[in-house]
Amino acid sequence: MNTKQTDLTSLQLSQEQLLTFVRSMVGGNRGREDDDHPLPAGPWDPVIRVAVEKISVFGPRPEPWRIALGAGHSFGEEVALNPQPLPPRYALLLEVARVVTSRAELFQELADAAAQAGAKQGIIIVGGYTSRFSDDWCGTGFKLKWPFPGPHPHWFPQELDGLDLLVLATQFQQASKEAFSPDLRKNLANAGAKLVEAGVSRMQSGTARASRSSGGA
C-alpha cells in the first residue's frame, strides 16, 4: 500500500509539474508566482490587471513583466517612458473605468436575456456590480493593489485623490450616454455621480487642509 501511495504521489507531482510548464507556455499563471512570493488578492485585481495590460507597451504576452524584470525594470515602468497622450496614472484610471463598463455591459446583456426568460435577478447583479465599484473606490482608506509580481511602478496610484475619482467619473458619465440599455445607463450614471461627489469632497478637504497649514505657518 505504501508503494502504491508513493507511486500515486510521484504521478501527481509529475502531472503538477507538467501542468505548470504548460500554463507558463499559454500564460495561465496569474496573481502570484509561488509560495515564496505571495501576492495578496484584491477584489478588483482582475480589473486592474486587464487595464494595465491594455495600456502597457509590451509586445510579448501574456507575462510581459518577465521581460521588464530581466531588463532591470519593474513591470509598468516602460509605460511611463513611452510617449502617451495622458500620464500613465490617468490612462490607467480611464482604462479601469472602461473595463468595468465593458463587464457591466456583458452583465446587462445576460440580464436582458434572463429577463426574457422571466428572471429578474440579473438586473440586480448589474446594479450591484457598478455600485460596489463606486463604493469601494470612493471609500476612505481604499488602496489599489499592484496585481503583478514585483514592485509597482512609480506612477501606479496606490491611493486615489479627488482628481483621480473625477477622471473615473468622466468615463462613467460618457459611457452612460452611450449605453443602449436604460437600466445600464442609470447604473453607470449613478456610479459616475458617486465618484463626482466623492472626488469633489476629497478635493475640498485637501484644499481646506492646505489652507489651515498655510495659515498656521
C-alpha atoms as a PDB file:
ATOM      1  CA  MET A   1       0.000   0.000   0.000  1.00  0.00           C
ATOM      2  CA  ASN A   2       2.837   2.353   0.811  1.00  0.00           C
ATOM      3  CA  THR A   3       4.371   1.625  -2.584  1.00  0.00           C
ATOM      4  CA  LYS A   4       1.098   2.484  -4.316  1.00  0.00           C
ATOM      5  CA  GLN A   5       0.791   5.705  -2.361  1.00  0.00           C
ATOM      6  CA  THR A   6       4.351   6.651  -3.290  1.00  0.00           C
ATOM      7  CA  ASP A   7       3.691   5.904  -6.947  1.00  0.00           C
ATOM      8  CA  LEU A   8       0.489   7.945  -6.820  1.00  0.00           C
ATOM      9  CA  THR A   9       2.283  10.877  -5.190  1.00  0.00           C
ATOM     10  CA  SER A  10       5.018  10.760  -7.804  1.00  0.00           C
ATOM     11  CA  LEU A  11       2.405  10.689 -10.545  1.00  0.00           C
ATOM     12  CA  GLN A  12       0.563  13.663  -9.053  1.00  0.00           C
ATOM     13  CA  LEU A  13       3.772  15.651  -8.741  1.00  0.00           C
ATOM     14  CA  SER A  14       4.733  14.912 -12.316  1.00  0.00           C
ATOM     15  CA  GLN A  15       1.287  15.972 -13.508  1.00  0.00           C
ATOM     16  CA  GLU A  16       1.532  19.188 -11.496  1.00  0.00           C
ATOM     17  CA  GLN A  17       4.936  19.922 -12.978  1.00  0.00           C
ATOM     18  CA  LEU A  18       3.616  19.228 -16.446  1.00  0.00           C
ATOM     19  CA  LEU A  19       0.602  21.490 -15.948  1.00  0.00           C
ATOM     20  CA  THR A  20       2.805  24.226 -14.505  1.00  0.00           C
ATOM     21  CA  PHE A  21       5.005  24.048 -17.591  1.00  0.00           C
ATOM     22  CA  VAL A  22       2.006  24.160 -19.936  1.00  0.00           C
ATOM     23  CA  ARG A  23       0.467  27.078 -18.001  1.00  0.00           C
ATOM     24  CA  SER A  24       3.713  29.016 -18.349  1.00  0.00           C
ATOM     25  CA  MET A  25       3.581  28.454 -22.115  1.00  0.00           C
ATOM     26  CA  VAL A  26      -0.012  29.579 -22.564  1.00  0.00           C
ATOM     27  CA  GLY A  27       0.016  32.280 -19.911  1.00  0.00           C
ATOM     28  CA  GLY A  28      -2.121  30.580 -17.306  1.00  0.00           C
ATOM     29  CA  ASN A  29      -0.121  31.821 -14.333  1.00  0.00           C
ATOM     30  CA  ARG A  30      -1.828  34.779 -12.740  1.00  0.00           C
ATOM     31  CA  GLY A  31      -1.816  36.613  -9.448  1.00  0.00           C
ATOM     32  CA  ARG A  32       1.266  35.081  -7.799  1.00  0.00           C
ATOM     33  CA  GLU A  33       4.474  33.359  -8.806  1.00  0.00           C
ATOM     34  CA  ASP A  34       4.967  30.868  -5.988  1.00  0.00           C
ATOM     35  CA  ASP A  35       4.590  30.403  -2.242  1.00  0.00           C
ATOM     36  CA  ASP A  36       7.770  32.396  -1.589  1.00  0.00           C
ATOM     37  CA  HIS A  37       6.379  35.458  -3.391  1.00  0.00           C
ATOM     38  CA  PRO A  38       2.693  35.610  -2.474  1.00  0.00           C
ATOM     39  CA  LEU A  39       0.567  38.452  -3.750  1.00  0.00           C
ATOM     40  CA  PRO A  40      -2.423  39.419  -1.621  1.00  0.00           C
ATOM     41  CA  ALA A  41      -5.571  39.087  -3.650  1.00  0.00           C
ATOM     42  CA  GLY A  42      -7.911  42.042  -4.029  1.00  0.00           C
ATOM     43  CA  PRO A  43     -11.473  42.052  -5.372  1.00  0.00           C
ATOM     44  CA  TRP A  44     -10.562  44.460  -8.186  1.00  0.00           C
ATOM     45  CA  ASP A  45      -7.272  42.799  -9.163  1.00  0.00           C
ATOM     46  CA  PRO A  46      -8.721  41.303 -12.387  1.00  0.00           C
ATOM     47  CA  VAL A  47      -9.974  44.722 -13.499  1.00  0.00           C
ATOM     48  CA  ILE A  48      -6.680  46.463 -12.700  1.00  0.00           C
ATOM     49  CA  ARG A  49      -4.726  43.659 -14.370  1.00  0.00           C
ATOM     50  CA  VAL A  50      -6.649  43.995 -17.632  1.00  0.00           C
ATOM     51  CA  ALA A  51      -6.364  47.792 -17.534  1.00  0.00           C
ATOM     52  CA  VAL A  52      -2.598  47.704 -17.009  1.00  0.00           C
ATOM     53  CA  GLU A  53      -2.145  45.220 -19.843  1.00  0.00           C
ATOM     54  CA  LYS A  54      -4.187  47.425 -22.153  1.00  0.00           C
ATOM     55  CA  ILE A  55      -2.016  50.488 -21.576  1.00  0.00           C
ATOM     56  CA  SER A  56       1.302  48.592 -21.486  1.00  0.00           C
ATOM     57  CA  VAL A  57       3.705  48.941 -24.390  1.00  0.00           C
ATOM     58  CA  PHE A  58       4.979  45.378 -24.216  1.00  0.00           C
ATOM     59  CA  GLY A  59       4.672  43.141 -27.228  1.00  0.00           C
ATOM     60  CA  PRO A  60       5.205  39.563 -25.958  1.00  0.00           C
ATOM     61  CA  ARG A  61       2.364  38.359 -23.787  1.00  0.00           C
ATOM     62  CA  PRO A  62       0.906  37.086 -21.527  1.00  0.00           C
ATOM     63  CA  GLU A  63       3.740  37.524 -18.979  1.00  0.00           C
ATOM     64  CA  PRO A  64       5.355  40.784 -20.106  1.00  0.00           C
ATOM     65  CA  TRP A  65       6.660  41.620 -16.626  1.00  0.00           C
ATOM     66  CA  ARG A  66       9.310  38.909 -17.018  1.00  0.00           C
ATOM     67  CA  ILE A  67      10.928  40.936 -19.817  1.00  0.00           C
ATOM     68  CA  ALA A  68      10.871  44.057 -17.676  1.00  0.00           C
ATOM     69  CA  LEU A  69      12.355  42.287 -14.665  1.00  0.00           C
ATOM     70  CA  GLY A  70      15.073  40.798 -16.839  1.00  0.00           C
ATOM     71  CA  ALA A  71      15.943  44.271 -18.117  1.00  0.00           C
ATOM     72  CA  GLY A  72      16.284  45.617 -14.594  1.00  0.00           C
ATOM     73  CA  HIS A  73      12.946  47.441 -14.591  1.00  0.00           C
ATOM     74  CA  SER A  74       9.775  46.735 -12.693  1.00  0.00           C
ATOM     75  CA  PHE A  75       6.764  45.867 -14.795  1.00  0.00           C
ATOM     76  CA  GLY A  76       4.979  49.040 -15.802  1.00  0.00           C
ATOM     77  CA  GLU A  77       7.911  51.444 -15.724  1.00  0.00           C
ATOM     78  CA  GLU A  78       8.212  51.341 -19.524  1.00  0.00           C
ATOM     79  CA  VAL A  79       4.666  52.668 -19.743  1.00  0.00           C
ATOM     80  CA  ALA A  80       5.871  55.942 -18.270  1.00  0.00           C
ATOM     81  CA  LEU A  81       8.839  56.063 -20.649  1.00  0.00           C
ATOM     82  CA  ASN A  82       6.715  55.564 -23.755  1.00  0.00           C
ATOM     83  CA  PRO A  83       5.055  58.700 -25.171  1.00  0.00           C
ATOM     84  CA  GLN A  84       1.435  58.708 -24.000  1.00  0.00           C
ATOM     85  CA  PRO A  85      -1.463  61.057 -24.727  1.00  0.00           C
ATOM     86  CA  LEU A  86      -2.108  61.017 -20.982  1.00  0.00           C
ATOM     87  CA  PRO A  87       0.062  60.434 -17.917  1.00  0.00           C
ATOM     88  CA  PRO A  88       0.088  56.687 -17.129  1.00  0.00           C
ATOM     89  CA  ARG A  89      -1.779  57.265 -13.868  1.00  0.00           C
ATOM     90  CA  TYR A  90      -4.810  58.743 -15.617  1.00  0.00           C
ATOM     91  CA  ALA A  91      -4.556  56.433 -18.618  1.00  0.00           C
ATOM     92  CA  LEU A  92      -4.832  53.533 -16.176  1.00  0.00           C
ATOM     93  CA  LEU A  93      -7.853  55.011 -14.391  1.00  0.00           C
ATOM     94  CA  LEU A  94      -9.676  55.633 -17.658  1.00  0.00           C
ATOM     95  CA  GLU A  95      -8.938  52.081 -18.768  1.00  0.00           C
ATOM     96  CA  VAL A  96     -10.178  50.731 -15.428  1.00  0.00           C
ATOM     97  CA  ALA A  97     -13.479  52.541 -15.958  1.00  0.00           C
ATOM     98  CA  ARG A  98     -13.705  51.123 -19.488  1.00  0.00           C
ATOM     99  CA  VAL A  99     -13.077  47.583 -18.238  1.00  0.00           C
ATOM    100  CA  VAL A 100     -15.755  47.938 -15.551  1.00  0.00           C
ATOM    101  CA  THR A 101     -18.162  49.371 -18.121  1.00  0.00           C
ATOM    102  CA  SER A 102     -17.429  46.522 -20.527  1.00  0.00           C
ATOM    103  CA  ARG A 103     -18.130  43.939 -17.844  1.00  0.00           C
ATOM    104  CA  ALA A 104     -21.280  45.752 -16.799  1.00  0.00           C
ATOM    105  CA  GLU A 105     -22.435  45.718 -20.430  1.00  0.00           C
ATOM    106  CA  LEU A 106     -21.908  41.963 -20.535  1.00  0.00           C
ATOM    107  CA  PHE A 107     -23.814  41.543 -17.287  1.00  0.00           C
ATOM    108  CA  GLN A 108     -26.614  43.676 -18.730  1.00  0.00           C
ATOM    109  CA  GLU A 109     -26.811  41.528 -21.846  1.00  0.00           C
ATOM    110  CA  LEU A 110     -27.094  38.451 -19.661  1.00  0.00           C
ATOM    111  CA  ALA A 111     -29.687  40.202 -17.500  1.00  0.00           C
ATOM    112  CA  ASP A 112     -31.756  41.141 -20.549  1.00  0.00           C
ATOM    113  CA  ALA A 113     -31.594  37.574 -21.791  1.00  0.00           C
ATOM    114  CA  ALA A 114     -32.650  36.319 -18.377  1.00  0.00           C
ATOM    115  CA  ALA A 115     -35.494  38.832 -18.233  1.00  0.00           C
ATOM    116  CA  GLN A 116     -36.856  37.463 -21.489  1.00  0.00           C
ATOM    117  CA  ALA A 117     -36.970  34.099 -19.781  1.00  0.00           C
ATOM    118  CA  GLY A 118     -38.848  35.569 -16.828  1.00  0.00           C
ATOM    119  CA  ALA A 119     -35.957  36.103 -14.408  1.00  0.00           C
ATOM    120  CA  LYS A 120     -35.168  39.489 -12.833  1.00  0.00           C
ATOM    121  CA  GLN A 121     -32.142  38.649 -10.729  1.00  0.00           C
ATOM    122  CA  GLY A 122     -29.702  39.787 -13.431  1.00  0.00           C
ATOM    123  CA  ILE A 123     -30.791  43.420 -13.190  1.00  0.00           C
ATOM    124  CA  ILE A 124     -29.875  43.411  -9.503  1.00  0.00           C
ATOM    125  CA  ILE A 125     -26.461  41.951 -10.305  1.00  0.00           C
ATOM    126  CA  VAL A 126     -25.626  44.722 -12.807  1.00  0.00           C
ATOM    127  CA  GLY A 127     -26.592  47.493 -10.399  1.00  0.00           C
ATOM    128  CA  GLY A 128     -24.736  45.789  -7.584  1.00  0.00           C
ATOM    129  CA  TYR A 129     -21.540  45.498  -9.618  1.00  0.00           C
ATOM    130  CA  THR A 130     -21.309  49.168 -10.612  1.00  0.00           C
ATOM    131  CA  SER A 131     -22.458  50.307  -7.184  1.00  0.00           C
ATOM    132  CA  ARG A 132     -19.863  48.136  -5.445  1.00  0.00           C
ATOM    133  CA  PHE A 133     -17.156  49.591  -7.667  1.00  0.00           C
ATOM    134  CA  SER A 134     -18.054  53.193  -6.865  1.00  0.00           C
ATOM    135  CA  ASP A 135     -18.499  52.418  -3.153  1.00  0.00           C
ATOM    136  CA  ASP A 136     -15.147  50.621  -2.923  1.00  0.00           C
ATOM    137  CA  TRP A 137     -13.114  53.110  -4.939  1.00  0.00           C
ATOM    138  CA  CYS A 138     -14.659  56.113  -3.181  1.00  0.00           C
ATOM    139  CA  GLY A 139     -14.171  54.553   0.230  1.00  0.00           C
ATOM    140  CA  THR A 140     -11.895  56.175   2.777  1.00  0.00           C
ATOM    141  CA  GLY A 141      -8.639  54.316   3.042  1.00  0.00           C
ATOM    142  CA  PHE A 142      -9.159  52.341  -0.180  1.00  0.00           C
ATOM    143  CA  LYS A 143      -5.844  51.397  -1.782  1.00  0.00           C
ATOM    144  CA  LEU A 144      -5.115  49.906  -5.179  1.00  0.00           C
ATOM    145  CA  LYS A 145      -3.008  46.774  -5.276  1.00  0.00           C
ATOM    146  CA  TRP A 146      -0.448  46.134  -7.974  1.00  0.00           C
ATOM    147  CA  PRO A 147      -1.683  42.769  -9.333  1.00  0.00           C
ATOM    148  CA  PHE A 148       1.589  41.557 -10.853  1.00  0.00           C
ATOM    149  CA  PRO A 149       4.821  40.086  -9.483  1.00  0.00           C
ATOM    150  CA  GLY A 150       7.421  42.610  -8.447  1.00  0.00           C
ATOM    151  CA  PRO A 151       7.165  46.173  -7.109  1.00  0.00           C
ATOM    152  CA  HIS A 152       4.636  48.580  -8.509  1.00  0.00           C
ATOM    153  CA  PRO A 153       5.883  51.312 -10.900  1.00  0.00           C
ATOM    154  CA  HIS A 154       6.296  54.816  -9.545  1.00  0.00           C
ATOM    155  CA  TRP A 155       3.247  56.129 -11.414  1.00  0.00           C
ATOM    156  CA  PHE A 156       0.826  53.499 -10.067  1.00  0.00           C
ATOM    157  CA  PRO A 157      -1.749  55.234  -7.810  1.00  0.00           C
ATOM    158  CA  GLN A 158      -1.976  53.212  -4.612  1.00  0.00           C
ATOM    159  CA  GLU A 159      -4.149  55.904  -3.051  1.00  0.00           C
ATOM    160  CA  LEU A 160      -6.725  57.879  -5.016  1.00  0.00           C
ATOM    161  CA  ASP A 161      -7.112  61.629  -4.703  1.00  0.00           C
ATOM    162  CA  GLY A 162     -10.057  63.777  -5.719  1.00  0.00           C
ATOM    163  CA  LEU A 163      -8.850  64.288  -9.274  1.00  0.00           C
ATOM    164  CA  ASP A 164      -8.414  60.530  -9.720  1.00  0.00           C
ATOM    165  CA  LEU A 165     -12.067  59.993  -8.816  1.00  0.00           C
ATOM    166  CA  LEU A 166     -13.163  62.736 -11.216  1.00  0.00           C
ATOM    167  CA  VAL A 167     -11.148  61.105 -14.013  1.00  0.00           C
ATOM    168  CA  LEU A 168     -13.016  57.851 -13.379  1.00  0.00           C
ATOM    169  CA  ALA A 169     -16.310  59.748 -13.258  1.00  0.00           C
ATOM    170  CA  THR A 170     -15.800  61.273 -16.707  1.00  0.00           C
ATOM    171  CA  GLN A 171     -15.607  57.828 -18.279  1.00  0.00           C
ATOM    172  CA  PHE A 172     -18.694  56.529 -16.481  1.00  0.00           C
ATOM    173  CA  GLN A 173     -20.607  59.656 -17.437  1.00  0.00           C
ATOM    174  CA  GLN A 174     -19.666  59.234 -21.100  1.00  0.00           C
ATOM    175  CA  ALA A 175     -20.453  55.512 -21.008  1.00  0.00           C
ATOM    176  CA  SER A 176     -23.887  56.198 -19.522  1.00  0.00           C
ATOM    177  CA  LYS A 177     -24.714  58.398 -22.522  1.00  0.00           C
ATOM    178  CA  GLU A 178     -23.629  55.705 -24.985  1.00  0.00           C
ATOM    179  CA  ALA A 179     -25.266  52.708 -23.301  1.00  0.00           C
ATOM    180  CA  PHE A 180     -28.221  51.189 -25.134  1.00  0.00           C
ATOM    181  CA  SER A 181     -29.989  49.743 -22.092  1.00  0.00           C
ATOM    182  CA  PRO A 182     -31.875  52.243 -19.892  1.00  0.00           C
ATOM    183  CA  ASP A 183     -31.003  50.172 -16.817  1.00  0.00           C
ATOM    184  CA  LEU A 184     -27.307  50.211 -17.684  1.00  0.00           C
ATOM    185  CA  ARG A 185     -27.414  53.939 -18.397  1.00  0.00           C
ATOM    186  CA  LYS A 186     -28.894  54.519 -14.961  1.00  0.00           C
ATOM    187  CA  ASN A 187     -26.377  52.293 -13.180  1.00  0.00           C
ATOM    188  CA  LEU A 188     -23.384  53.863 -14.920  1.00  0.00           C
ATOM    189  CA  ALA A 189     -24.715  57.366 -14.290  1.00  0.00           C
ATOM    190  CA  ASN A 190     -25.212  56.562 -10.598  1.00  0.00           C
ATOM    191  CA  ALA A 191     -21.663  55.248 -10.345  1.00  0.00           C
ATOM    192  CA  GLY A 192     -20.361  58.401 -12.030  1.00  0.00           C
ATOM    193  CA  ALA A 193     -22.362  60.615  -9.683  1.00  0.00           C
ATOM    194  CA  LYS A 194     -20.905  58.877  -6.617  1.00  0.00           C
ATOM    195  CA  LEU A 195     -17.409  59.329  -7.983  1.00  0.00           C
ATOM    196  CA  VAL A 196     -18.011  63.028  -8.676  1.00  0.00           C
ATOM    197  CA  GLU A 197     -19.409  63.628  -5.203  1.00  0.00           C
ATOM    198  CA  ALA A 198     -16.531  61.826  -3.514  1.00  0.00           C
ATOM    199  CA  GLY A 199     -13.963  63.459  -5.775  1.00  0.00           C
ATOM    200  CA  VAL A 200     -15.198  66.992  -5.135  1.00  0.00           C
ATOM    201  CA  SER A 201     -15.419  66.307  -1.402  1.00  0.00           C
ATOM    202  CA  ARG A 202     -11.867  64.945  -1.342  1.00  0.00           C
ATOM    203  CA  MET A 203     -10.534  67.946  -3.252  1.00  0.00           C
ATOM    204  CA  GLN A 204     -12.313  70.364  -0.924  1.00  0.00           C
ATOM    205  CA  SER A 205     -10.909  68.559   2.100  1.00  0.00           C
ATOM    206  CA  GLY A 206      -7.427  68.759   0.628  1.00  0.00           C
ATOM    207  CA  THR A 207      -7.825  72.480  -0.050  1.00  0.00           C
ATOM    208  CA  ALA A 208      -9.061  73.079   3.487  1.00  0.00           C
ATOM    209  CA  ARG A 209      -6.106  71.200   4.988  1.00  0.00           C
ATOM    210  CA  ALA A 210      -3.673  73.142   2.803  1.00  0.00           C
ATOM    211  CA  SER A 211      -5.303  76.427   3.874  1.00  0.00           C
ATOM    212  CA  ARG A 212      -5.048  75.538   7.561  1.00  0.00           C
ATOM    213  CA  SER A 213      -1.428  74.519   7.141  1.00  0.00           C
ATOM    214  CA  SER A 214      -0.633  77.753   5.339  1.00  0.00           C
ATOM    215  CA  GLY A 215      -2.406  79.822   7.958  1.00  0.00           C
ATOM    216  CA  GLY A 216      -0.610  78.135  10.787  1.00  0.00           C
ATOM    217  CA  ALA A 217       2.816  78.597   9.217  1.00  0.00           C
END
